[in-house]
PDB file of N, CA and C in Angstrom:
ATOM      1  N   MET A   1       0.844  -1.182   0.000  1.00  0.00           N
ATOM      2  CA  MET A   1       0.001   0.001   0.000  1.00  0.00           C
ATOM      3  C   MET A   1       0.888   1.242   0.000  1.00  0.00           C
ATOM      4  N   SER A   2       0.593   2.178  -0.864  1.00  0.00           N
ATOM      5  CA  SER A   2       1.419   3.381  -0.947  1.00  0.00           C
ATOM      6  C   SER A   2       1.059   4.369   0.160  1.00  0.00           C
ATOM      7  N   LYS A   3       2.034   5.165   0.527  1.00  0.00           N
ATOM      8  CA  LYS A   3       1.836   6.148   1.577  1.00  0.00           C
ATOM      9  C   LYS A   3       1.217   7.421   1.007  1.00  0.00           C
ATOM     10  N   VAL A   4       0.460   8.113   1.836  1.00  0.00           N
ATOM     11  CA  VAL A   4      -0.130   9.396   1.472  1.00  0.00           C
ATOM     12  C   VAL A   4       0.906  10.475   1.770  1.00  0.00           C
ATOM     13  N   HIS A   5       1.151  11.352   0.806  1.00  0.00           N
ATOM     14  CA  HIS A   5       2.101  12.433   1.034  1.00  0.00           C
ATOM     15  C   HIS A   5       1.375  13.645   1.611  1.00  0.00           C
ATOM     16  N   LEU A   6       1.849  14.148   2.761  1.00  0.00           N
ATOM     17  CA  LEU A   6       1.299  15.342   3.401  1.00  0.00           C
ATOM     18  C   LEU A   6       2.430  16.315   3.713  1.00  0.00           C
ATOM     19  N   THR A   7       2.131  17.608   3.565  1.00  0.00           N
ATOM     20  CA  THR A   7       3.075  18.654   3.912  1.00  0.00           C
ATOM     21  C   THR A   7       2.541  19.419   5.108  1.00  0.00           C
ATOM     22  N   LEU A   8       3.354  19.500   6.166  1.00  0.00           N
ATOM     23  CA  LEU A   8       3.009  20.214   7.396  1.00  0.00           C
ATOM     24  C   LEU A   8       3.894  21.447   7.506  1.00  0.00           C
ATOM     25  N   ALA A   9       3.271  22.623   7.624  1.00  0.00           N
ATOM     26  CA  ALA A   9       4.013  23.872   7.820  1.00  0.00           C
ATOM     27  C   ALA A   9       3.721  24.364   9.230  1.00  0.00           C
ATOM     28  N   CYS A  10       4.775  24.499  10.031  1.00  0.00           N
ATOM     29  CA  CYS A  10       4.597  24.928  11.422  1.00  0.00           C
ATOM     30  C   CYS A  10       5.879  25.571  11.930  1.00  0.00           C
ATOM     31  N   GLY A  11       5.810  26.089  13.133  1.00  0.00           N
ATOM     32  CA  GLY A  11       6.994  26.661  13.750  1.00  0.00           C
ATOM     33  C   GLY A  11       7.963  25.573  14.179  1.00  0.00           C
ATOM     34  N   ASP A  12       9.184  25.958  14.442  1.00  0.00           N
ATOM     35  CA  ASP A  12      10.221  25.016  14.880  1.00  0.00           C
ATOM     36  C   ASP A  12      10.098  24.819  16.388  1.00  0.00           C
ATOM     37  N   TYR A  13       9.164  23.957  16.783  1.00  0.00           N
ATOM     38  CA  TYR A  13       8.883  23.709  18.196  1.00  0.00           C
ATOM     39  C   TYR A  13       9.423  22.357  18.622  1.00  0.00           C
ATOM     40  N   GLU A  14       9.713  22.235  19.891  1.00  0.00           N
ATOM     41  CA  GLU A  14      10.185  20.969  20.433  1.00  0.00           C
ATOM     42  C   GLU A  14       9.163  19.863  20.202  1.00  0.00           C
ATOM     43  N   ILE A  15       7.894  20.213  20.251  1.00  0.00           N
ATOM     44  CA  ILE A  15       6.826  19.227  20.115  1.00  0.00           C
ATOM     45  C   ILE A  15       6.791  18.565  18.726  1.00  0.00           C
ATOM     46  N   VAL A  16       7.355  19.198  17.696  1.00  0.00           N
ATOM     47  CA  VAL A  16       7.360  18.619  16.345  1.00  0.00           C
ATOM     48  C   VAL A  16       8.735  18.167  15.881  1.00  0.00           C
ATOM     49  N   ARG A  17       9.750  18.312  16.710  1.00  0.00           N
ATOM     50  CA  ARG A  17      11.114  17.954  16.284  1.00  0.00           C
ATOM     51  C   ARG A  17      11.275  16.484  15.941  1.00  0.00           C
ATOM     52  N   ALA A  18      10.566  15.613  16.648  1.00  0.00           N
ATOM     53  CA  ALA A  18      10.664  14.176  16.344  1.00  0.00           C
ATOM     54  C   ALA A  18      10.109  13.877  14.955  1.00  0.00           C
ATOM     55  N   LEU A  19       9.096  14.615  14.535  1.00  0.00           N
ATOM     56  CA  LEU A  19       8.586  14.465  13.170  1.00  0.00           C
ATOM     57  C   LEU A  19       9.579  15.024  12.166  1.00  0.00           C
ATOM     58  N   MET A  20      10.222  16.136  12.516  1.00  0.00           N
ATOM     59  CA  MET A  20      11.180  16.778  11.616  1.00  0.00           C
ATOM     60  C   MET A  20      12.402  15.901  11.373  1.00  0.00           C
ATOM     61  N   ASP A  21      12.946  15.322  12.436  1.00  0.00           N
ATOM     62  CA  ASP A  21      14.183  14.543  12.280  1.00  0.00           C
ATOM     63  C   ASP A  21      13.924  13.085  11.882  1.00  0.00           C
ATOM     64  N   GLY A  22      12.659  12.689  11.812  1.00  0.00           N
ATOM     65  CA  GLY A  22      12.327  11.349  11.359  1.00  0.00           C
ATOM     66  C   GLY A  22      12.353  10.285  12.432  1.00  0.00           C
ATOM     67  N   SER A  23      12.604  10.654  13.691  1.00  0.00           N
ATOM     68  CA  SER A  23      12.605   9.645  14.748  1.00  0.00           C
ATOM     69  C   SER A  23      11.196   9.145  15.047  1.00  0.00           C
ATOM     70  N   VAL A  24      10.182   9.919  14.695  1.00  0.00           N
ATOM     71  CA  VAL A  24       8.785   9.475  14.764  1.00  0.00           C
ATOM     72  C   VAL A  24       8.225   9.571  13.355  1.00  0.00           C
ATOM     73  N   LYS A  25       7.676   8.449  12.878  1.00  0.00           N
ATOM     74  CA  LYS A  25       7.122   8.401  11.528  1.00  0.00           C
ATOM     75  C   LYS A  25       5.675   7.931  11.607  1.00  0.00           C
ATOM     76  N   PRO A  26       4.744   8.786  11.152  1.00  0.00           N
ATOM     77  CA  PRO A  26       3.338   8.368  11.167  1.00  0.00           C
ATOM     78  C   PRO A  26       3.085   7.230  10.184  1.00  0.00           C
ATOM     79  N   ASP A  27       2.303   6.242  10.608  1.00  0.00           N
ATOM     80  CA  ASP A  27       1.984   5.102   9.751  1.00  0.00           C
ATOM     81  C   ASP A  27       1.196   5.544   8.527  1.00  0.00           C
ATOM     82  N   GLY A  28       1.611   5.081   7.369  1.00  0.00           N
ATOM     83  CA  GLY A  28       0.890   5.328   6.137  1.00  0.00           C
ATOM     84  C   GLY A  28       1.016   6.739   5.584  1.00  0.00           C
ATOM     85  N   ILE A  29       1.907   7.557   6.163  1.00  0.00           N
ATOM     86  CA  ILE A  29       2.059   8.942   5.727  1.00  0.00           C
ATOM     87  C   ILE A  29       3.520   9.230   5.403  1.00  0.00           C
ATOM     88  N   ASP A  30       3.736   9.803   4.238  1.00  0.00           N
ATOM     89  CA  ASP A  30       5.039  10.334   3.866  1.00  0.00           C
ATOM     90  C   ASP A  30       4.977  11.821   4.192  1.00  0.00           C
ATOM     91  N   LEU A  31       5.536  12.220   5.330  1.00  0.00           N
ATOM     92  CA  LEU A  31       5.372  13.567   5.862  1.00  0.00           C
ATOM     93  C   LEU A  31       6.559  14.456   5.551  1.00  0.00           C
ATOM     94  N   THR A  32       6.272  15.639   5.012  1.00  0.00           N
ATOM     95  CA  THR A  32       7.277  16.672   4.817  1.00  0.00           C
ATOM     96  C   THR A  32       6.948  17.794   5.791  1.00  0.00           C
ATOM     97  N   VAL A  33       7.889  18.116   6.687  1.00  0.00           N
ATOM     98  CA  VAL A  33       7.672  19.158   7.690  1.00  0.00           C
ATOM     99  C   VAL A  33       8.475  20.385   7.291  1.00  0.00           C
ATOM    100  N   LEU A  34       7.794  21.517   7.149  1.00  0.00           N
ATOM    101  CA  LEU A  34       8.427  22.782   6.786  1.00  0.00           C
ATOM    102  C   LEU A  34       8.402  23.719   7.986  1.00  0.00           C
ATOM    103  N   THR A  35       9.574  24.148   8.435  1.00  0.00           N
ATOM    104  CA  THR A  35       9.657  25.068   9.573  1.00  0.00           C
ATOM    105  C   THR A  35      10.528  26.276   9.256  1.00  0.00           C
ATOM    106  N   ASP A  36      10.830  26.488   7.988  1.00  0.00           N
ATOM    107  CA  ASP A  36      11.813  27.501   7.600  1.00  0.00           C
ATOM    108  C   ASP A  36      11.207  28.844   7.190  1.00  0.00           C
ATOM    109  N   MET A  37      10.008  29.149   7.683  1.00  0.00           N
ATOM    110  CA  MET A  37       9.384  30.435   7.338  1.00  0.00           C
ATOM    111  C   MET A  37       8.793  31.072   8.594  1.00  0.00           C
ATOM    112  N   THR A  38       8.646  32.367   8.543  1.00  0.00           N
ATOM    113  CA  THR A  38       8.050  33.067   9.680  1.00  0.00           C
ATOM    114  C   THR A  38       6.548  32.800   9.700  1.00  0.00           C
ATOM    115  N   SER A  39       5.933  33.037  10.850  1.00  0.00           N
ATOM    116  CA  SER A  39       4.513  32.740  10.984  1.00  0.00           C
ATOM    117  C   SER A  39       3.652  33.571  10.033  1.00  0.00           C
ATOM    118  N   ASP A  40       3.997  34.830   9.810  1.00  0.00           N
ATOM    119  CA  ASP A  40       3.176  35.648   8.911  1.00  0.00           C
ATOM    120  C   ASP A  40       3.217  35.120   7.474  1.00  0.00           C
ATOM    121  N   ILE A  41       4.373  34.660   7.038  1.00  0.00           N
ATOM    122  CA  ILE A  41       4.491  34.087   5.691  1.00  0.00           C
ATOM    123  C   ILE A  41       3.703  32.777   5.612  1.00  0.00           C
ATOM    124  N   ARG A  42       3.853  31.936   6.629  1.00  0.00           N
ATOM    125  CA  ARG A  42       3.138  30.649   6.660  1.00  0.00           C
ATOM    126  C   ARG A  42       1.628  30.876   6.633  1.00  0.00           C
ATOM    127  N   HIS A  43       1.147  31.808   7.457  1.00  0.00           N
ATOM    128  CA  HIS A  43      -0.293  32.086   7.502  1.00  0.00           C
ATOM    129  C   HIS A  43      -0.783  32.570   6.140  1.00  0.00           C
ATOM    130  N   TRP A  44      -0.062  33.493   5.541  1.00  0.00           N
ATOM    131  CA  TRP A  44      -0.430  34.048   4.240  1.00  0.00           C
ATOM    132  C   TRP A  44      -0.506  32.941   3.177  1.00  0.00           C
ATOM    133  N   ARG A  45       0.528  32.107   3.127  1.00  0.00           N
ATOM    134  CA  ARG A  45       0.581  31.055   2.113  1.00  0.00           C
ATOM    135  C   ARG A  45      -0.549  30.034   2.284  1.00  0.00           C
ATOM    136  N   MET A  46      -0.918  29.735   3.539  1.00  0.00           N
ATOM    137  CA  MET A  46      -2.007  28.774   3.766  1.00  0.00           C
ATOM    138  C   MET A  46      -3.355  29.400   3.480  1.00  0.00           C
ATOM    139  N   ILE A  47      -3.576  30.601   3.965  1.00  0.00           N
ATOM    140  CA  ILE A  47      -4.888  31.236   3.800  1.00  0.00           C
ATOM    141  C   ILE A  47      -5.137  31.632   2.345  1.00  0.00           C
ATOM    142  N   ARG A  48      -4.174  32.258   1.719  1.00  0.00           N
ATOM    143  CA  ARG A  48      -4.365  32.743   0.347  1.00  0.00           C
ATOM    144  C   ARG A  48      -4.256  31.644  -0.703  1.00  0.00           C
ATOM    145  N   ASN A  49      -3.276  30.768  -0.554  1.00  0.00           N
ATOM    146  CA  ASN A  49      -2.975  29.815  -1.622  1.00  0.00           C
ATOM    147  C   ASN A  49      -3.180  28.355  -1.250  1.00  0.00           C
ATOM    148  N   ARG A  50      -3.443  28.084   0.026  1.00  0.00           N
ATOM    149  CA  ARG A  50      -3.576  26.701   0.513  1.00  0.00           C
ATOM    150  C   ARG A  50      -2.422  25.837   0.028  1.00  0.00           C
ATOM    151  N   GLU A  51      -1.214  26.313   0.293  1.00  0.00           N
ATOM    152  CA  GLU A  51      -0.012  25.648  -0.213  1.00  0.00           C
ATOM    153  C   GLU A  51       0.374  24.397   0.557  1.00  0.00           C
ATOM    154  N   PHE A  52      -0.206  24.175   1.717  1.00  0.00           N
ATOM    155  CA  PHE A  52       0.172  23.050   2.559  1.00  0.00           C
ATOM    156  C   PHE A  52      -1.054  22.191   2.842  1.00  0.00           C
ATOM    157  N   ASP A  53      -0.814  20.923   3.154  1.00  0.00           N
ATOM    158  CA  ASP A  53      -1.919  20.048   3.554  1.00  0.00           C
ATOM    159  C   ASP A  53      -2.352  20.364   4.980  1.00  0.00           C
ATOM    160  N   VAL A  54      -1.379  20.676   5.829  1.00  0.00           N
ATOM    161  CA  VAL A  54      -1.633  21.009   7.228  1.00  0.00           C
ATOM    162  C   VAL A  54      -0.739  22.184   7.590  1.00  0.00           C
ATOM    163  N   ALA A  55      -1.294  23.174   8.292  1.00  0.00           N
ATOM    164  CA  ALA A  55      -0.482  24.330   8.662  1.00  0.00           C
ATOM    165  C   ALA A  55      -0.916  24.887  10.012  1.00  0.00           C
ATOM    166  N   GLU A  56       0.067  25.331  10.771  1.00  0.00           N
ATOM    167  CA  GLU A  56      -0.203  26.027  12.020  1.00  0.00           C
ATOM    168  C   GLU A  56      -0.683  27.436  11.663  1.00  0.00           C
ATOM    169  N   LEU A  57      -1.776  27.863  12.285  1.00  0.00           N
ATOM    170  CA  LEU A  57      -2.295  29.215  12.106  1.00  0.00           C
ATOM    171  C   LEU A  57      -2.611  29.801  13.473  1.00  0.00           C
ATOM    172  N   SER A  58      -2.472  31.103  13.585  1.00  0.00           N
ATOM    173  CA  SER A  58      -2.933  31.750  14.807  1.00  0.00           C
ATOM    174  C   SER A  58      -4.455  31.786  14.774  1.00  0.00           C
ATOM    175  N   MET A  59      -5.057  31.808  15.935  1.00  0.00           N
ATOM    176  CA  MET A  59      -6.516  31.855  15.998  1.00  0.00           C
ATOM    177  C   MET A  59      -7.036  33.116  15.305  1.00  0.00           C
ATOM    178  N   SER A  60      -6.347  34.231  15.487  1.00  0.00           N
ATOM    179  CA  SER A  60      -6.813  35.478  14.869  1.00  0.00           C
ATOM    180  C   SER A  60      -6.743  35.399  13.345  1.00  0.00           C
ATOM    181  N   SER A  61      -5.688  34.811  12.802  1.00  0.00           N
ATOM    182  CA  SER A  61      -5.585  34.654  11.339  1.00  0.00           C
ATOM    183  C   SER A  61      -6.687  33.751  10.813  1.00  0.00           C
ATOM    184  N   TYR A  62      -6.930  32.668  11.531  1.00  0.00           N
ATOM    185  CA  TYR A  62      -7.963  31.730  11.119  1.00  0.00           C
ATOM    186  C   TYR A  62      -9.346  32.389  11.133  1.00  0.00           C
ATOM    187  N   LEU A  63      -9.685  33.058  12.237  1.00  0.00           N
ATOM    188  CA  LEU A  63     -11.001  33.677  12.351  1.00  0.00           C
ATOM    189  C   LEU A  63     -11.194  34.793  11.327  1.00  0.00           C
ATOM    190  N   LEU A  64     -10.177  35.585  11.114  1.00  0.00           N
ATOM    191  CA  LEU A  64     -10.273  36.651  10.123  1.00  0.00           C
ATOM    192  C   LEU A  64     -10.460  36.074   8.722  1.00  0.00           C
ATOM    193  N   ALA A  65      -9.729  35.014   8.415  1.00  0.00           N
ATOM    194  CA  ALA A  65      -9.857  34.379   7.106  1.00  0.00           C
ATOM    195  C   ALA A  65     -11.256  33.787   6.930  1.00  0.00           C
ATOM    196  N   LYS A  66     -11.795  33.163   7.970  1.00  0.00           N
ATOM    197  CA  LYS A  66     -13.151  32.618   7.889  1.00  0.00           C
ATOM    198  C   LYS A  66     -14.154  33.750   7.688  1.00  0.00           C
ATOM    199  N   PHE A  67     -13.982  34.838   8.423  1.00  0.00           N
ATOM    200  CA  PHE A  67     -14.875  35.982   8.321  1.00  0.00           C
ATOM    201  C   PHE A  67     -14.824  36.597   6.916  1.00  0.00           C
ATOM    202  N   MET A  68     -13.637  36.672   6.355  1.00  0.00           N
ATOM    203  CA  MET A  68     -13.460  37.259   5.026  1.00  0.00           C
ATOM    204  C   MET A  68     -13.716  36.228   3.913  1.00  0.00           C
ATOM    205  N   ALA A  69     -14.108  35.021   4.295  1.00  0.00           N
ATOM    206  CA  ALA A  69     -14.418  33.934   3.352  1.00  0.00           C
ATOM    207  C   ALA A  69     -13.224  33.555   2.484  1.00  0.00           C
ATOM    208  N   GLN A  70     -12.024  33.718   3.014  1.00  0.00           N
ATOM    209  CA  GLN A  70     -10.829  33.297   2.279  1.00  0.00           C
ATOM    210  C   GLN A  70     -10.477  31.852   2.580  1.00  0.00           C
ATOM    211  N   LEU A  71     -10.878  31.383   3.733  1.00  0.00           N
ATOM    212  CA  LEU A  71     -10.614  30.006   4.135  1.00  0.00           C
ATOM    213  C   LEU A  71     -11.973  29.357   4.337  1.00  0.00           C
ATOM    214  N   SER A  72     -12.494  28.751   3.294  1.00  0.00           N
ATOM    215  CA  SER A  72     -13.857  28.242   3.337  1.00  0.00           C
ATOM    216  C   SER A  72     -13.864  26.733   3.505  1.00  0.00           C
ATOM    217  N   SER A  73     -15.035  26.184   3.678  1.00  0.00           N
ATOM    218  CA  SER A  73     -15.177  24.742   3.800  1.00  0.00           C
ATOM    219  C   SER A  73     -14.549  24.103   2.572  1.00  0.00           C
ATOM    220  N   PRO A  74     -14.021  22.951   2.659  1.00  0.00           N
ATOM    221  CA  PRO A  74     -14.045  21.999   3.740  1.00  0.00           C
ATOM    222  C   PRO A  74     -12.810  22.031   4.634  1.00  0.00           C
ATOM    223  N   SER A  75     -12.211  23.175   4.859  1.00  0.00           N
ATOM    224  CA  SER A  75     -11.075  23.256   5.770  1.00  0.00           C
ATOM    225  C   SER A  75     -11.479  22.822   7.175  1.00  0.00           C
ATOM    226  N   ARG A  76     -10.570  22.245   7.860  1.00  0.00           N
ATOM    227  CA  ARG A  76     -10.818  21.790   9.226  1.00  0.00           C
ATOM    228  C   ARG A  76      -9.887  22.558  10.148  1.00  0.00           C
ATOM    229  N   PHE A  77     -10.277  22.677  11.411  1.00  0.00           N
ATOM    230  CA  PHE A  77      -9.466  23.403  12.370  1.00  0.00           C
ATOM    231  C   PHE A  77      -9.480  22.654  13.684  1.00  0.00           C
ATOM    232  N   PHE A  78      -8.323  22.517  14.286  1.00  0.00           N
ATOM    233  CA  PHE A  78      -8.261  21.933  15.617  1.00  0.00           C
ATOM    234  C   PHE A  78      -7.061  22.505  16.345  1.00  0.00           C
ATOM    235  N   SER A  79      -7.077  22.359  17.646  1.00  0.00           N
ATOM    236  CA  SER A  79      -6.023  22.932  18.468  1.00  0.00           C
ATOM    237  C   SER A  79      -5.379  21.839  19.294  1.00  0.00           C
ATOM    238  N   ILE A  80      -4.068  21.930  19.437  1.00  0.00           N
ATOM    239  CA  ILE A  80      -3.319  20.981  20.250  1.00  0.00           C
ATOM    240  C   ILE A  80      -2.655  21.765  21.358  1.00  0.00           C
ATOM    241  N   ALA A  81      -2.930  21.410  22.596  1.00  0.00           N
ATOM    242  CA  ALA A  81      -2.300  22.108  23.716  1.00  0.00           C
ATOM    243  C   ALA A  81      -0.945  21.475  23.986  1.00  0.00           C
ATOM    244  N   GLY A  82       0.107  22.268  23.954  1.00  0.00           N
ATOM    245  CA  GLY A  82       1.449  21.776  24.235  1.00  0.00           C
ATOM    246  C   GLY A  82       1.684  21.759  25.733  1.00  0.00           C
ATOM    247  N   SER A  83       1.741  20.589  26.329  1.00  0.00           N
ATOM    248  CA  SER A  83       1.839  20.490  27.782  1.00  0.00           C
ATOM    249  C   SER A  83       3.182  20.981  28.315  1.00  0.00           C
ATOM    250  N   ALA A  84       4.242  20.796  27.551  1.00  0.00           N
ATOM    251  CA  ALA A  84       5.568  21.186  28.040  1.00  0.00           C
ATOM    252  C   ALA A  84       5.720  22.706  28.133  1.00  0.00           C
ATOM    253  N   THR A  85       5.109  23.422  27.211  1.00  0.00           N
ATOM    254  CA  THR A  85       5.284  24.866  27.193  1.00  0.00           C
ATOM    255  C   THR A  85       4.033  25.615  27.626  1.00  0.00           C
ATOM    256  N   ALA A  86       2.948  24.884  27.862  1.00  0.00           N
ATOM    257  CA  ALA A  86       1.656  25.461  28.240  1.00  0.00           C
ATOM    258  C   ALA A  86       1.152  26.434  27.182  1.00  0.00           C
ATOM    259  N   SER A  87       1.648  26.293  25.962  1.00  0.00           N
ATOM    260  CA  SER A  87       1.145  27.116  24.864  1.00  0.00           C
ATOM    261  C   SER A  87       0.217  26.255  24.025  1.00  0.00           C
ATOM    262  N   SER A  88      -0.472  26.880  23.112  1.00  0.00           N
ATOM    263  CA  SER A  88      -1.380  26.107  22.283  1.00  0.00           C
ATOM    264  C   SER A  88      -0.961  26.226  20.829  1.00  0.00           C
ATOM    265  N   LEU A  89      -1.097  25.157  20.119  1.00  0.00           N
ATOM    266  CA  LEU A  89      -0.731  25.083  18.707  1.00  0.00           C
ATOM    267  C   LEU A  89      -2.019  24.891  17.930  1.00  0.00           C
ATOM    268  N   SER A  90      -2.380  25.838  17.107  1.00  0.00           N
ATOM    269  CA  SER A  90      -3.605  25.749  16.314  1.00  0.00           C
ATOM    270  C   SER A  90      -3.245  25.354  14.893  1.00  0.00           C
ATOM    271  N   ILE A  91      -4.005  24.456  14.337  1.00  0.00           N
ATOM    272  CA  ILE A  91      -3.662  23.898  13.039  1.00  0.00           C
ATOM    273  C   ILE A  91      -4.874  23.929  12.119  1.00  0.00           C
ATOM    274  N   ALA A  92      -4.666  24.327  10.887  1.00  0.00           N
ATOM    275  CA  ALA A  92      -5.715  24.267   9.868  1.00  0.00           C
ATOM    276  C   ALA A  92      -5.269  23.295   8.795  1.00  0.00           C
ATOM    277  N   THR A  93      -6.193  22.562   8.261  1.00  0.00           N
ATOM    278  CA  THR A  93      -5.870  21.622   7.195  1.00  0.00           C
ATOM    279  C   THR A  93      -6.737  21.927   5.987  1.00  0.00           C
ATOM    280  N   ARG A  94      -6.218  21.614   4.801  1.00  0.00           N
ATOM    281  CA  ARG A  94      -7.053  21.763   3.615  1.00  0.00           C
ATOM    282  C   ARG A  94      -7.657  20.422   3.298  1.00  0.00           C
ATOM    283  N   GLU A  95      -8.656  20.431   2.450  1.00  0.00           N
ATOM    284  CA  GLU A  95      -9.335  19.191   2.101  1.00  0.00           C
ATOM    285  C   GLU A  95      -8.355  18.215   1.481  1.00  0.00           C
ATOM    286  N   PHE A  96      -8.495  16.946   1.846  1.00  0.00           N
ATOM    287  CA  PHE A  96      -7.641  15.911   1.274  1.00  0.00           C
ATOM    288  C   PHE A  96      -8.533  14.799   0.770  1.00  0.00           C
ATOM    289  N   ARG A  97      -8.302  14.398  -0.428  1.00  0.00           N
ATOM    290  CA  ARG A  97      -9.023  13.262  -1.000  1.00  0.00           C
ATOM    291  C   ARG A  97      -8.010  12.213  -1.407  1.00  0.00           C
ATOM    292  N   SER A  98      -8.276  10.998  -1.020  1.00  0.00           N
ATOM    293  CA  SER A  98      -7.368   9.932  -1.400  1.00  0.00           C
ATOM    294  C   SER A  98      -7.539   9.631  -2.889  1.00  0.00           C
ATOM    295  N   PRO A  99      -6.453   9.196  -3.524  1.00  0.00           N
ATOM    296  CA  PRO A  99      -6.531   8.911  -4.965  1.00  0.00           C
ATOM    297  C   PRO A  99      -7.505   7.771  -5.244  1.00  0.00           C
ATOM    298  N   GLN A 100      -8.213   7.884  -6.338  1.00  0.00           N
ATOM    299  CA  GLN A 100      -9.145   6.826  -6.740  1.00  0.00           C
ATOM    300  C   GLN A 100      -8.364   5.657  -7.304  1.00  0.00           C
ATOM    301  N   THR A 101      -8.755   4.481  -6.914  1.00  0.00           N
ATOM    302  CA  THR A 101      -8.059   3.289  -7.442  1.00  0.00           C
ATOM    303  C   THR A 101      -9.000   2.458  -8.283  1.00  0.00           C
TER     304      THR A 101
END
């Protein structure tokens, strides 16, 4: 069975380093982690162009984009609380459809 390729754009946080260095590999996913851009660039690229499959967004960027109808359905949104830093990581994903076989 072939793996699904996903691109994750997020900040360079300790919580995602295991995914970045490959010590943790999600089953069935060929994951590319991008951490080489500032948050404003990442937010812009996800909201305007949906360049990533999964991207960290600030709540304010997400809500403003929803309000301005730039980030419309079927985008999904969820938040992950980082226990080590007591900060929260908000993530938006674009629609993904598996290839037809």
